[in-house]
Amino acid sequence: MAPIPGSGLAKGLAVTLRTMTKKSVTDQYPEAQPELPPRTRGVIGLFEENCTVCMLCARECPDWCIYIDSHKETVPPATPGGRERSRNVLDRFAIDFSLCMYCGICIEVCPFDALFWSPEFEYAETDIRDLTHERDKLREWMWTVPAPPALDSGAEEPKELAAARRTADKLAQQQAEQARQEERE
């Protein structure tokens, strides 16, 4: 049986009329900002103080879009009679976001928590060469990184926090004892 001529057009007009009467669900993006989930992956932020220039992030990146330059500095001995040490000092840390595929491997492999996901997603450029962001720009995005979720109330306290609390309590007790001894004298 052959379709009636113009039936496709009639069906299309029916769909158009049906949707014209419904409320639009389109968000006017630049004027109305979207509600993002709490741990949204936007852009990578750098916490420079934690970076030890171990180069793990650059080596593990499948796109080779992380560029790191550093130099060695000699650090004086911590105690008298000790020996000098050398440490890496970060000169350049850049990520080319025109190559990055936002896989997050660099963030996962960083042993010192120097890289984080920032929810910032509005960083378009008119020239592709401007998508290579240096450490100054990456450091700026660190302030948009949300705080980690709170620990479960029934969870055991992390060992590091418990050890730090015990040390702080011991120091407080020692200082209190010293203050009492000075008052007696």
N, C-alpha and C. Protein backbone atom coordinates (compact mmCIF):
# COMPACT_ATOMS: atom_id res chain seq x y z
N MET A 1 0.84 -1.16 0.00
CA MET A 1 0.00 0.00 0.00
C MET A 1 0.90 1.24 0.00
N ALA A 2 0.66 2.14 -0.87
CA ALA A 2 1.47 3.35 -1.04
C ALA A 2 1.05 4.39 -0.02
N PRO A 3 2.05 5.12 0.55
CA PRO A 3 1.70 6.17 1.50
C PRO A 3 0.98 7.32 0.80
N ILE A 4 0.15 7.97 1.55
CA ILE A 4 -0.61 9.11 1.01
C ILE A 4 0.38 10.24 0.76
N PRO A 5 0.32 10.87 -0.41
CA PRO A 5 1.25 11.97 -0.66
C PRO A 5 1.03 13.11 0.34
N GLY A 6 2.15 13.61 0.89
CA GLY A 6 2.10 14.72 1.84
C GLY A 6 1.86 14.30 3.27
N SER A 7 1.76 12.97 3.55
CA SER A 7 1.51 12.53 4.93
C SER A 7 2.72 12.81 5.82
N GLY A 8 3.93 12.72 5.27
CA GLY A 8 5.14 13.02 6.05
C GLY A 8 5.17 14.49 6.46
N LEU A 9 4.76 15.35 5.55
CA LEU A 9 4.71 16.77 5.85
C LEU A 9 3.68 17.05 6.94
N ALA A 10 2.54 16.39 6.86
CA ALA A 10 1.49 16.58 7.87
C ALA A 10 1.97 16.11 9.24
N LYS A 11 2.69 14.98 9.28
CA LYS A 11 3.21 14.48 10.56
C LYS A 11 4.23 15.47 11.14
N GLY A 12 5.09 15.99 10.29
CA GLY A 12 6.09 16.96 10.75
C GLY A 12 5.44 18.22 11.30
N LEU A 13 4.40 18.72 10.61
CA LEU A 13 3.70 19.91 11.11
C LEU A 13 2.98 19.63 12.42
N ALA A 14 2.49 18.41 12.59
CA ALA A 14 1.82 18.03 13.83
C ALA A 14 2.81 18.05 15.00
N VAL A 15 4.01 17.54 14.77
CA VAL A 15 5.04 17.56 15.81
C VAL A 15 5.40 19.01 16.15
N THR A 16 5.54 19.84 15.12
CA THR A 16 5.87 21.25 15.34
C THR A 16 4.80 21.94 16.17
N LEU A 17 3.55 21.75 15.83
CA LEU A 17 2.45 22.38 16.57
C LEU A 17 2.39 21.88 18.01
N ARG A 18 2.65 20.59 18.20
CA ARG A 18 2.59 20.01 19.54
C ARG A 18 3.70 20.60 20.43
N THR A 19 4.92 20.77 19.88
CA THR A 19 6.03 21.29 20.69
C THR A 19 5.98 22.80 20.86
N MET A 20 5.29 23.50 19.98
CA MET A 20 5.19 24.95 20.11
C MET A 20 4.40 25.36 21.34
N THR A 21 3.49 24.50 21.78
CA THR A 21 2.64 24.86 22.91
C THR A 21 3.28 24.50 24.26
N LYS A 22 4.38 23.74 24.25
CA LYS A 22 5.05 23.35 25.49
C LYS A 22 6.08 24.40 25.90
N LYS A 23 6.37 24.45 27.20
CA LYS A 23 7.37 25.38 27.73
C LYS A 23 8.75 24.92 27.29
N SER A 24 9.59 25.88 26.93
CA SER A 24 10.95 25.57 26.47
C SER A 24 11.82 25.15 27.65
N VAL A 25 12.69 24.17 27.44
CA VAL A 25 13.60 23.72 28.48
C VAL A 25 15.04 24.16 28.18
N THR A 26 15.21 25.02 27.20
CA THR A 26 16.53 25.49 26.84
C THR A 26 17.03 26.50 27.86
N ASP A 27 18.28 26.29 28.35
CA ASP A 27 18.91 27.26 29.24
C ASP A 27 19.63 28.29 28.38
N GLN A 28 19.46 29.53 28.69
CA GLN A 28 20.16 30.60 27.99
C GLN A 28 21.55 30.70 28.62
N TYR A 29 22.49 29.90 28.12
CA TYR A 29 23.76 29.65 28.80
C TYR A 29 24.54 30.87 29.26
N PRO A 30 24.92 31.78 28.46
CA PRO A 30 25.79 32.81 29.05
C PRO A 30 25.11 33.60 30.16
N GLU A 31 23.81 33.82 30.06
CA GLU A 31 23.10 34.58 31.08
C GLU A 31 22.79 33.72 32.31
N ALA A 32 22.39 32.48 32.09
CA ALA A 32 22.04 31.58 33.19
C ALA A 32 23.12 30.51 33.31
N GLN A 33 23.91 30.57 34.39
CA GLN A 33 24.98 29.60 34.58
C GLN A 33 24.39 28.24 34.98
N PRO A 34 24.97 27.15 34.48
CA PRO A 34 24.43 25.83 34.82
C PRO A 34 24.77 25.43 36.26
N GLU A 35 23.92 24.60 36.83
CA GLU A 35 24.17 24.03 38.15
C GLU A 35 25.06 22.81 37.95
N LEU A 36 26.32 22.91 38.37
CA LEU A 36 27.27 21.83 38.17
C LEU A 36 27.30 20.90 39.37
N PRO A 37 27.54 19.61 39.15
CA PRO A 37 27.71 18.69 40.28
C PRO A 37 28.93 19.10 41.11
N PRO A 38 28.99 18.69 42.37
CA PRO A 38 30.05 19.17 43.25
C PRO A 38 31.47 18.88 42.77
N ARG A 39 31.75 17.74 42.21
CA ARG A 39 33.12 17.40 41.81
C ARG A 39 33.24 17.35 40.29
N THR A 40 32.77 18.38 39.63
CA THR A 40 32.80 18.46 38.18
C THR A 40 34.23 18.56 37.68
N ARG A 41 34.51 17.87 36.57
CA ARG A 41 35.82 17.95 35.93
C ARG A 41 35.79 19.09 34.93
N GLY A 42 36.53 20.12 35.19
CA GLY A 42 36.60 21.23 34.26
C GLY A 42 37.99 21.35 33.69
N VAL A 43 38.88 21.95 34.45
CA VAL A 43 40.24 22.19 34.02
C VAL A 43 41.16 21.76 35.17
N ILE A 44 42.43 21.55 34.88
CA ILE A 44 43.37 21.07 35.89
C ILE A 44 44.03 22.26 36.57
N GLY A 45 44.01 22.25 37.90
CA GLY A 45 44.66 23.30 38.69
C GLY A 45 45.93 22.77 39.32
N LEU A 46 46.91 23.66 39.51
CA LEU A 46 48.22 23.29 40.05
C LEU A 46 48.42 23.92 41.42
N PHE A 47 48.70 23.10 42.42
CA PHE A 47 49.10 23.56 43.75
C PHE A 47 50.62 23.47 43.78
N GLU A 48 51.24 24.56 43.39
CA GLU A 48 52.68 24.58 43.10
C GLU A 48 53.55 24.20 44.30
N GLU A 49 53.12 24.52 45.50
CA GLU A 49 53.92 24.22 46.68
C GLU A 49 54.12 22.73 46.88
N ASN A 50 53.20 21.91 46.40
CA ASN A 50 53.32 20.47 46.56
C ASN A 50 54.11 19.80 45.45
N CYS A 51 54.39 20.51 44.37
CA CYS A 51 55.08 19.91 43.22
C CYS A 51 56.56 19.74 43.54
N THR A 52 57.06 18.51 43.42
CA THR A 52 58.47 18.20 43.65
C THR A 52 59.21 17.95 42.34
N VAL A 53 58.58 18.21 41.23
CA VAL A 53 59.16 18.02 39.90
C VAL A 53 59.59 16.57 39.71
N CYS A 54 58.74 15.65 40.12
CA CYS A 54 59.05 14.23 39.95
C CYS A 54 58.78 13.77 38.52
N MET A 55 58.04 14.57 37.75
CA MET A 55 57.77 14.33 36.33
C MET A 55 56.84 13.14 36.07
N LEU A 56 56.22 12.58 37.10
CA LEU A 56 55.31 11.46 36.87
C LEU A 56 54.12 11.87 36.01
N CYS A 57 53.59 13.04 36.25
CA CYS A 57 52.42 13.48 35.48
C CYS A 57 52.76 13.60 34.00
N ALA A 58 53.92 14.16 33.69
CA ALA A 58 54.31 14.34 32.29
C ALA A 58 54.61 13.00 31.62
N ARG A 59 55.20 12.07 32.37
CA ARG A 59 55.53 10.77 31.79
C ARG A 59 54.30 9.90 31.56
N GLU A 60 53.32 10.02 32.44
CA GLU A 60 52.13 9.18 32.33
C GLU A 60 51.07 9.75 31.40
N CYS A 61 51.19 11.00 31.03
CA CYS A 61 50.18 11.64 30.17
C CYS A 61 50.16 10.97 28.80
N PRO A 62 49.02 10.40 28.39
CA PRO A 62 48.98 9.73 27.08
C PRO A 62 49.08 10.70 25.91
N ASP A 63 48.77 11.98 26.13
CA ASP A 63 48.83 12.97 25.05
C ASP A 63 50.11 13.77 25.04
N TRP A 64 50.95 13.61 26.04
CA TRP A 64 52.20 14.36 26.16
C TRP A 64 51.92 15.86 26.10
N CYS A 65 50.94 16.31 26.86
CA CYS A 65 50.56 17.73 26.82
C CYS A 65 51.04 18.50 28.03
N ILE A 66 51.82 17.87 28.92
CA ILE A 66 52.36 18.55 30.10
C ILE A 66 53.84 18.82 29.88
N TYR A 67 54.22 20.08 30.06
CA TYR A 67 55.60 20.50 29.85
C TYR A 67 56.17 20.99 31.17
N ILE A 68 57.28 20.39 31.61
CA ILE A 68 57.89 20.74 32.88
C ILE A 68 59.37 21.01 32.66
N ASP A 69 59.85 22.14 33.17
CA ASP A 69 61.27 22.46 33.18
C ASP A 69 61.66 22.74 34.61
N SER A 70 62.88 22.33 34.99
CA SER A 70 63.33 22.56 36.35
C SER A 70 64.85 22.68 36.37
N HIS A 71 65.37 23.05 37.52
CA HIS A 71 66.81 23.06 37.74
C HIS A 71 67.07 22.59 39.16
N LYS A 72 68.31 22.19 39.42
CA LYS A 72 68.68 21.71 40.76
C LYS A 72 69.30 22.83 41.56
N GLU A 73 68.95 22.86 42.85
CA GLU A 73 69.53 23.80 43.79
C GLU A 73 70.13 23.02 44.94
N THR A 74 71.21 23.54 45.48
CA THR A 74 71.83 22.91 46.63
C THR A 74 71.22 23.49 47.90
N VAL A 75 70.84 22.60 48.80
CA VAL A 75 70.23 23.00 50.06
C VAL A 75 71.26 22.79 51.16
N PRO A 76 71.48 23.78 52.03
CA PRO A 76 72.47 23.60 53.10
C PRO A 76 72.04 22.49 54.06
N PRO A 77 73.00 21.94 54.81
CA PRO A 77 72.64 20.85 55.73
C PRO A 77 71.66 21.32 56.80
N ALA A 78 70.78 20.42 57.19
CA ALA A 78 69.77 20.75 58.19
C ALA A 78 70.38 20.83 59.58
N THR A 79 71.40 20.02 59.84
CA THR A 79 72.07 20.02 61.15
C THR A 79 73.55 20.27 60.94
N PRO A 80 74.22 20.81 61.92
CA PRO A 80 75.67 21.01 61.78
C PRO A 80 76.38 19.68 61.57
N GLY A 81 77.30 19.65 60.65
CA GLY A 81 78.03 18.42 60.35
C GLY A 81 77.31 17.56 59.32
N GLY A 82 76.11 17.94 58.92
CA GLY A 82 75.37 17.18 57.91
C GLY A 82 75.90 17.48 56.53
N ARG A 83 75.34 16.82 55.55
CA ARG A 83 75.81 17.06 54.19
C ARG A 83 74.77 17.85 53.40
N GLU A 84 75.24 18.52 52.38
CA GLU A 84 74.35 19.30 51.53
C GLU A 84 73.48 18.38 50.70
N ARG A 85 72.29 18.83 50.40
CA ARG A 85 71.36 18.07 49.57
C ARG A 85 71.05 18.90 48.34
N SER A 86 70.53 18.24 47.33
CA SER A 86 70.07 18.98 46.15
C SER A 86 68.59 18.70 45.98
N ARG A 87 67.88 19.70 45.47
CA ARG A 87 66.45 19.52 45.23
C ARG A 87 66.10 20.17 43.91
N ASN A 88 65.05 19.67 43.30
CA ASN A 88 64.57 20.22 42.03
C ASN A 88 63.71 21.44 42.31
N VAL A 89 63.90 22.47 41.51
CA VAL A 89 63.10 23.69 41.61
C VAL A 89 62.34 23.85 40.30
N LEU A 90 61.05 24.06 40.41
CA LEU A 90 60.18 24.17 39.25
C LEU A 90 60.40 25.50 38.54
N ASP A 91 60.74 25.44 37.26
CA ASP A 91 60.90 26.64 36.44
C ASP A 91 59.67 26.86 35.57
N ARG A 92 59.16 25.79 34.99
CA ARG A 92 58.01 25.91 34.10
C ARG A 92 57.12 24.68 34.28
N PHE A 93 55.83 24.94 34.39
CA PHE A 93 54.82 23.88 34.39
C PHE A 93 53.70 24.38 33.51
N ALA A 94 53.48 23.71 32.39
CA ALA A 94 52.45 24.15 31.45
C ALA A 94 51.65 22.94 30.97
N ILE A 95 50.39 23.18 30.70
CA ILE A 95 49.52 22.15 30.12
C ILE A 95 48.91 22.71 28.86
N ASP A 96 49.01 21.95 27.79
CA ASP A 96 48.43 22.36 26.51
C ASP A 96 47.02 21.76 26.44
N PHE A 97 46.01 22.61 26.71
CA PHE A 97 44.64 22.11 26.74
C PHE A 97 44.07 21.87 25.35
N SER A 98 44.80 22.25 24.30
CA SER A 98 44.35 21.89 22.96
C SER A 98 44.66 20.42 22.68
N LEU A 99 45.58 19.83 23.44
CA LEU A 99 45.91 18.41 23.30
C LEU A 99 45.28 17.54 24.39
N CYS A 100 45.06 18.13 25.55
CA CYS A 100 44.58 17.38 26.72
C CYS A 100 43.22 16.75 26.43
N MET A 101 43.07 15.48 26.83
CA MET A 101 41.77 14.82 26.65
C MET A 101 41.05 14.65 27.98
N TYR A 102 41.54 15.31 29.04
CA TYR A 102 40.88 15.36 30.34
C TYR A 102 40.63 13.98 30.94
N CYS A 103 41.62 13.11 30.80
CA CYS A 103 41.48 11.75 31.32
C CYS A 103 41.74 11.70 32.83
N GLY A 104 42.52 12.64 33.36
CA GLY A 104 42.79 12.69 34.79
C GLY A 104 43.91 11.79 35.26
N ILE A 105 44.64 11.16 34.35
CA ILE A 105 45.73 10.28 34.76
C ILE A 105 46.80 11.07 35.51
N CYS A 106 47.09 12.30 35.06
CA CYS A 106 48.11 13.12 35.72
C CYS A 106 47.72 13.39 37.17
N ILE A 107 46.46 13.60 37.42
CA ILE A 107 45.99 13.89 38.78
C ILE A 107 46.08 12.64 39.65
N GLU A 108 45.76 11.50 39.07
CA GLU A 108 45.79 10.25 39.83
C GLU A 108 47.21 9.82 40.19
N VAL A 109 48.18 10.03 39.28
CA VAL A 109 49.53 9.53 39.54
C VAL A 109 50.36 10.48 40.38
N CYS A 110 49.91 11.71 40.59
CA CYS A 110 50.70 12.69 41.36
C CYS A 110 50.78 12.23 42.82
N PRO A 111 51.98 11.86 43.30
CA PRO A 111 52.08 11.34 44.66
C PRO A 111 52.01 12.42 45.74
N PHE A 112 52.09 13.69 45.34
CA PHE A 112 52.14 14.77 46.31
C PHE A 112 50.92 15.68 46.24
N ASP A 113 49.88 15.27 45.55
CA ASP A 113 48.63 16.05 45.42
C ASP A 113 48.91 17.48 44.97
N ALA A 114 49.63 17.61 43.87
CA ALA A 114 49.90 18.95 43.33
C ALA A 114 48.91 19.31 42.23
N LEU A 115 48.19 18.33 41.68
CA LEU A 115 47.22 18.59 40.61
C LEU A 115 45.82 18.24 41.09
N PHE A 116 44.84 19.08 40.70
CA PHE A 116 43.45 18.89 41.12
C PHE A 116 42.52 19.24 39.98
N TRP A 117 41.31 18.69 40.02
CA TRP A 117 40.27 19.08 39.07
C TRP A 117 39.62 20.35 39.59
N SER A 118 39.51 21.34 38.74
CA SER A 118 38.79 22.56 39.04
C SER A 118 37.49 22.53 38.24
N PRO A 119 36.39 23.04 38.78
CA PRO A 119 35.13 23.04 38.02
C PRO A 119 35.08 24.12 36.95
N GLU A 120 36.14 24.92 36.82
CA GLU A 120 36.18 25.99 35.83
C GLU A 120 36.15 25.38 34.42
N PHE A 121 35.20 25.82 33.61
CA PHE A 121 35.10 25.26 32.27
C PHE A 121 35.03 26.32 31.19
N GLU A 122 35.03 27.57 31.54
CA GLU A 122 34.93 28.65 30.56
C GLU A 122 36.31 29.25 30.32
N TYR A 123 37.08 28.63 29.45
CA TYR A 123 38.41 29.14 29.16
C TYR A 123 38.70 29.04 27.67
N ALA A 124 37.71 29.37 26.87
CA ALA A 124 37.86 29.32 25.42
C ALA A 124 38.81 30.43 24.95
N GLU A 125 39.50 30.16 23.88
CA GLU A 125 40.44 31.12 23.30
C GLU A 125 40.15 31.23 21.80
N THR A 126 40.49 32.36 21.23
CA THR A 126 40.30 32.53 19.79
C THR A 126 41.47 31.97 18.99
N ASP A 127 42.63 31.81 19.63
CA ASP A 127 43.81 31.26 18.98
C ASP A 127 44.23 29.99 19.71
N ILE A 128 44.45 28.92 18.99
CA ILE A 128 44.77 27.64 19.61
C ILE A 128 46.08 27.70 20.39
N ARG A 129 46.98 28.59 20.02
CA ARG A 129 48.26 28.71 20.73
C ARG A 129 48.07 29.27 22.13
N ASP A 130 46.95 29.92 22.39
CA ASP A 130 46.69 30.47 23.71
C ASP A 130 46.13 29.43 24.68
N LEU A 131 45.91 28.21 24.22
CA LEU A 131 45.40 27.15 25.10
C LEU A 131 46.50 26.44 25.88
N THR A 132 47.75 26.83 25.70
CA THR A 132 48.84 26.32 26.53
C THR A 132 48.93 27.24 27.73
N HIS A 133 48.50 26.73 28.88
CA HIS A 133 48.44 27.55 30.08
C HIS A 133 49.64 27.26 30.98
N GLU A 134 50.32 28.32 31.36
CA GLU A 134 51.49 28.22 32.22
C GLU A 134 51.07 28.11 33.68
N ARG A 135 52.05 27.95 34.55
CA ARG A 135 51.75 27.67 35.96
C ARG A 135 51.01 28.81 36.65
N ASP A 136 51.18 30.04 36.20
CA ASP A 136 50.44 31.16 36.81
C ASP A 136 48.94 30.99 36.62
N LYS A 137 48.53 30.62 35.42
CA LYS A 137 47.11 30.42 35.13
C LYS A 137 46.60 29.17 35.86
N LEU A 138 47.41 28.10 35.87
CA LEU A 138 47.01 26.87 36.56
C LEU A 138 46.88 27.12 38.06
N ARG A 139 47.72 27.99 38.62
CA ARG A 139 47.66 28.32 40.04
C ARG A 139 46.38 29.10 40.34
N GLU A 140 45.94 29.96 39.43
CA GLU A 140 44.71 30.72 39.63
C GLU A 140 43.50 29.79 39.77
N TRP A 141 43.48 28.73 39.01
CA TRP A 141 42.33 27.80 39.05
C TRP A 141 42.30 26.99 40.34
N MET A 142 43.40 26.96 41.07
CA MET A 142 43.43 26.19 42.31
C MET A 142 42.43 26.74 43.31
N TRP A 143 42.12 28.03 43.25
CA TRP A 143 41.19 28.64 44.21
C TRP A 143 39.75 28.28 43.92
N THR A 144 39.47 27.70 42.74
CA THR A 144 38.10 27.29 42.44
C THR A 144 37.86 25.82 42.77
N VAL A 145 38.90 25.11 43.21
CA VAL A 145 38.75 23.70 43.55
C VAL A 145 37.94 23.58 44.83
N PRO A 146 36.85 22.81 44.80
CA PRO A 146 36.03 22.67 46.02
C PRO A 146 36.74 21.83 47.07
N ALA A 147 36.38 22.04 48.31
CA ALA A 147 36.94 21.26 49.41
C ALA A 147 36.50 19.80 49.26
N PRO A 148 37.32 18.86 49.71
CA PRO A 148 36.91 17.46 49.61
C PRO A 148 35.69 17.20 50.48
N PRO A 149 34.91 16.19 50.14
CA PRO A 149 33.72 15.90 50.95
C PRO A 149 34.11 15.53 52.38
N ALA A 150 33.23 15.84 53.30
CA ALA A 150 33.49 15.54 54.71
C ALA A 150 33.58 14.04 54.93
N LEU A 151 34.36 13.67 55.92
CA LEU A 151 34.49 12.25 56.26
C LEU A 151 33.18 11.74 56.83
N ASP A 152 32.94 10.48 56.66
CA ASP A 152 31.76 9.85 57.24
C ASP A 152 31.85 9.96 58.76
N SER A 153 30.77 10.32 59.39
CA SER A 153 30.79 10.55 60.85
C SER A 153 31.16 9.27 61.61
N GLY A 154 30.86 8.12 61.06
CA GLY A 154 31.18 6.87 61.73
C GLY A 154 32.54 6.31 61.35
N ALA A 155 33.26 7.00 60.48
CA ALA A 155 34.55 6.50 60.01
C ALA A 155 35.64 6.71 61.05
N GLU A 156 36.64 5.87 60.96
CA GLU A 156 37.80 5.99 61.85
C GLU A 156 38.64 7.18 61.41
N GLU A 157 39.18 7.91 62.36
CA GLU A 157 40.01 9.08 62.04
C GLU A 157 41.27 8.63 61.30
N PRO A 158 41.70 9.38 60.28
CA PRO A 158 42.92 9.01 59.57
C PRO A 158 44.12 8.97 60.52
N LYS A 159 45.03 8.04 60.26
CA LYS A 159 46.19 7.85 61.14
C LYS A 159 47.03 9.11 61.23
N GLU A 160 47.14 9.83 60.13
CA GLU A 160 47.97 11.04 60.12
C GLU A 160 47.39 12.10 61.07
N LEU A 161 46.06 12.25 61.03
CA LEU A 161 45.43 13.23 61.92
C LEU A 161 45.55 12.81 63.38
N ALA A 162 45.38 11.52 63.64
CA ALA A 162 45.48 11.04 65.01
C ALA A 162 46.90 11.25 65.55
N ALA A 163 47.92 10.97 64.74
CA ALA A 163 49.31 11.16 65.16
C ALA A 163 49.60 12.64 65.38
N ALA A 164 49.11 13.50 64.50
CA ALA A 164 49.33 14.94 64.66
C ALA A 164 48.63 15.45 65.91
N ARG A 165 47.45 14.94 66.20
CA ARG A 165 46.71 15.37 67.39
C ARG A 165 47.45 14.93 68.66
N ARG A 166 47.98 13.70 68.66
CA ARG A 166 48.72 13.23 69.84
C ARG A 166 49.96 14.09 70.06
N THR A 167 50.68 14.40 68.99
CA THR A 167 51.88 15.24 69.10
C THR A 167 51.52 16.63 69.61
N ALA A 168 50.44 17.20 69.09
CA ALA A 168 50.01 18.53 69.54
C ALA A 168 49.60 18.49 71.02
N ASP A 169 48.93 17.41 71.45
CA ASP A 169 48.54 17.29 72.85
C ASP A 169 49.76 17.18 73.76
N LYS A 170 50.78 16.41 73.33
CA LYS A 170 52.00 16.28 74.13
C LYS A 170 52.70 17.62 74.26
N LEU A 171 52.79 18.36 73.15
CA LEU A 171 53.43 19.67 73.20
C LEU A 171 52.67 20.63 74.11
N ALA A 172 51.35 20.58 74.05
CA ALA A 172 50.54 21.44 74.91
C ALA A 172 50.76 21.09 76.38
N GLN A 173 50.84 19.79 76.70
CA GLN A 173 51.09 19.37 78.08
C GLN A 173 52.46 19.83 78.56
N GLN A 174 53.47 19.68 77.69
CA GLN A 174 54.82 20.11 78.06
C GLN A 174 54.87 21.62 78.31
N GLN A 175 54.21 22.37 77.48
CA GLN A 175 54.19 23.82 77.66
C GLN A 175 53.45 24.20 78.93
N ALA A 176 52.37 23.50 79.23
CA ALA A 176 51.61 23.78 80.45
C ALA A 176 52.46 23.46 81.69
N GLU A 177 53.20 22.35 81.65
CA GLU A 177 54.07 21.98 82.76
C GLU A 177 55.18 23.01 82.95
N GLN A 178 55.76 23.47 81.85
CA GLN A 178 56.82 24.48 81.93
C GLN A 178 56.27 25.78 82.51
N ALA A 179 55.08 26.15 82.13
CA ALA A 179 54.47 27.37 82.65
C ALA A 179 54.22 27.24 84.15
N ARG A 180 53.77 26.06 84.60
CA ARG A 180 53.54 25.83 86.04
C ARG A 180 54.84 25.88 86.81
N GLN A 181 55.91 25.30 86.25
CA GLN A 181 57.22 25.32 86.93
C GLN A 181 57.75 26.74 87.03
N GLU A 182 57.55 27.53 86.00
CA GLU A 182 58.02 28.92 86.03
C GLU A 182 57.24 29.72 87.06
N GLU A 183 55.96 29.43 87.24
CA GLU A 183 55.15 30.12 88.23
C GLU A 183 55.62 29.78 89.65
N ARG A 184 56.05 28.53 89.87
CA ARG A 184 56.52 28.09 91.19
C ARG A 184 57.84 28.76 91.54
N GLU A 185 58.64 29.02 90.54
CA GLU A 185 59.98 29.58 90.80
C GLU A 185 59.96 31.02 91.02
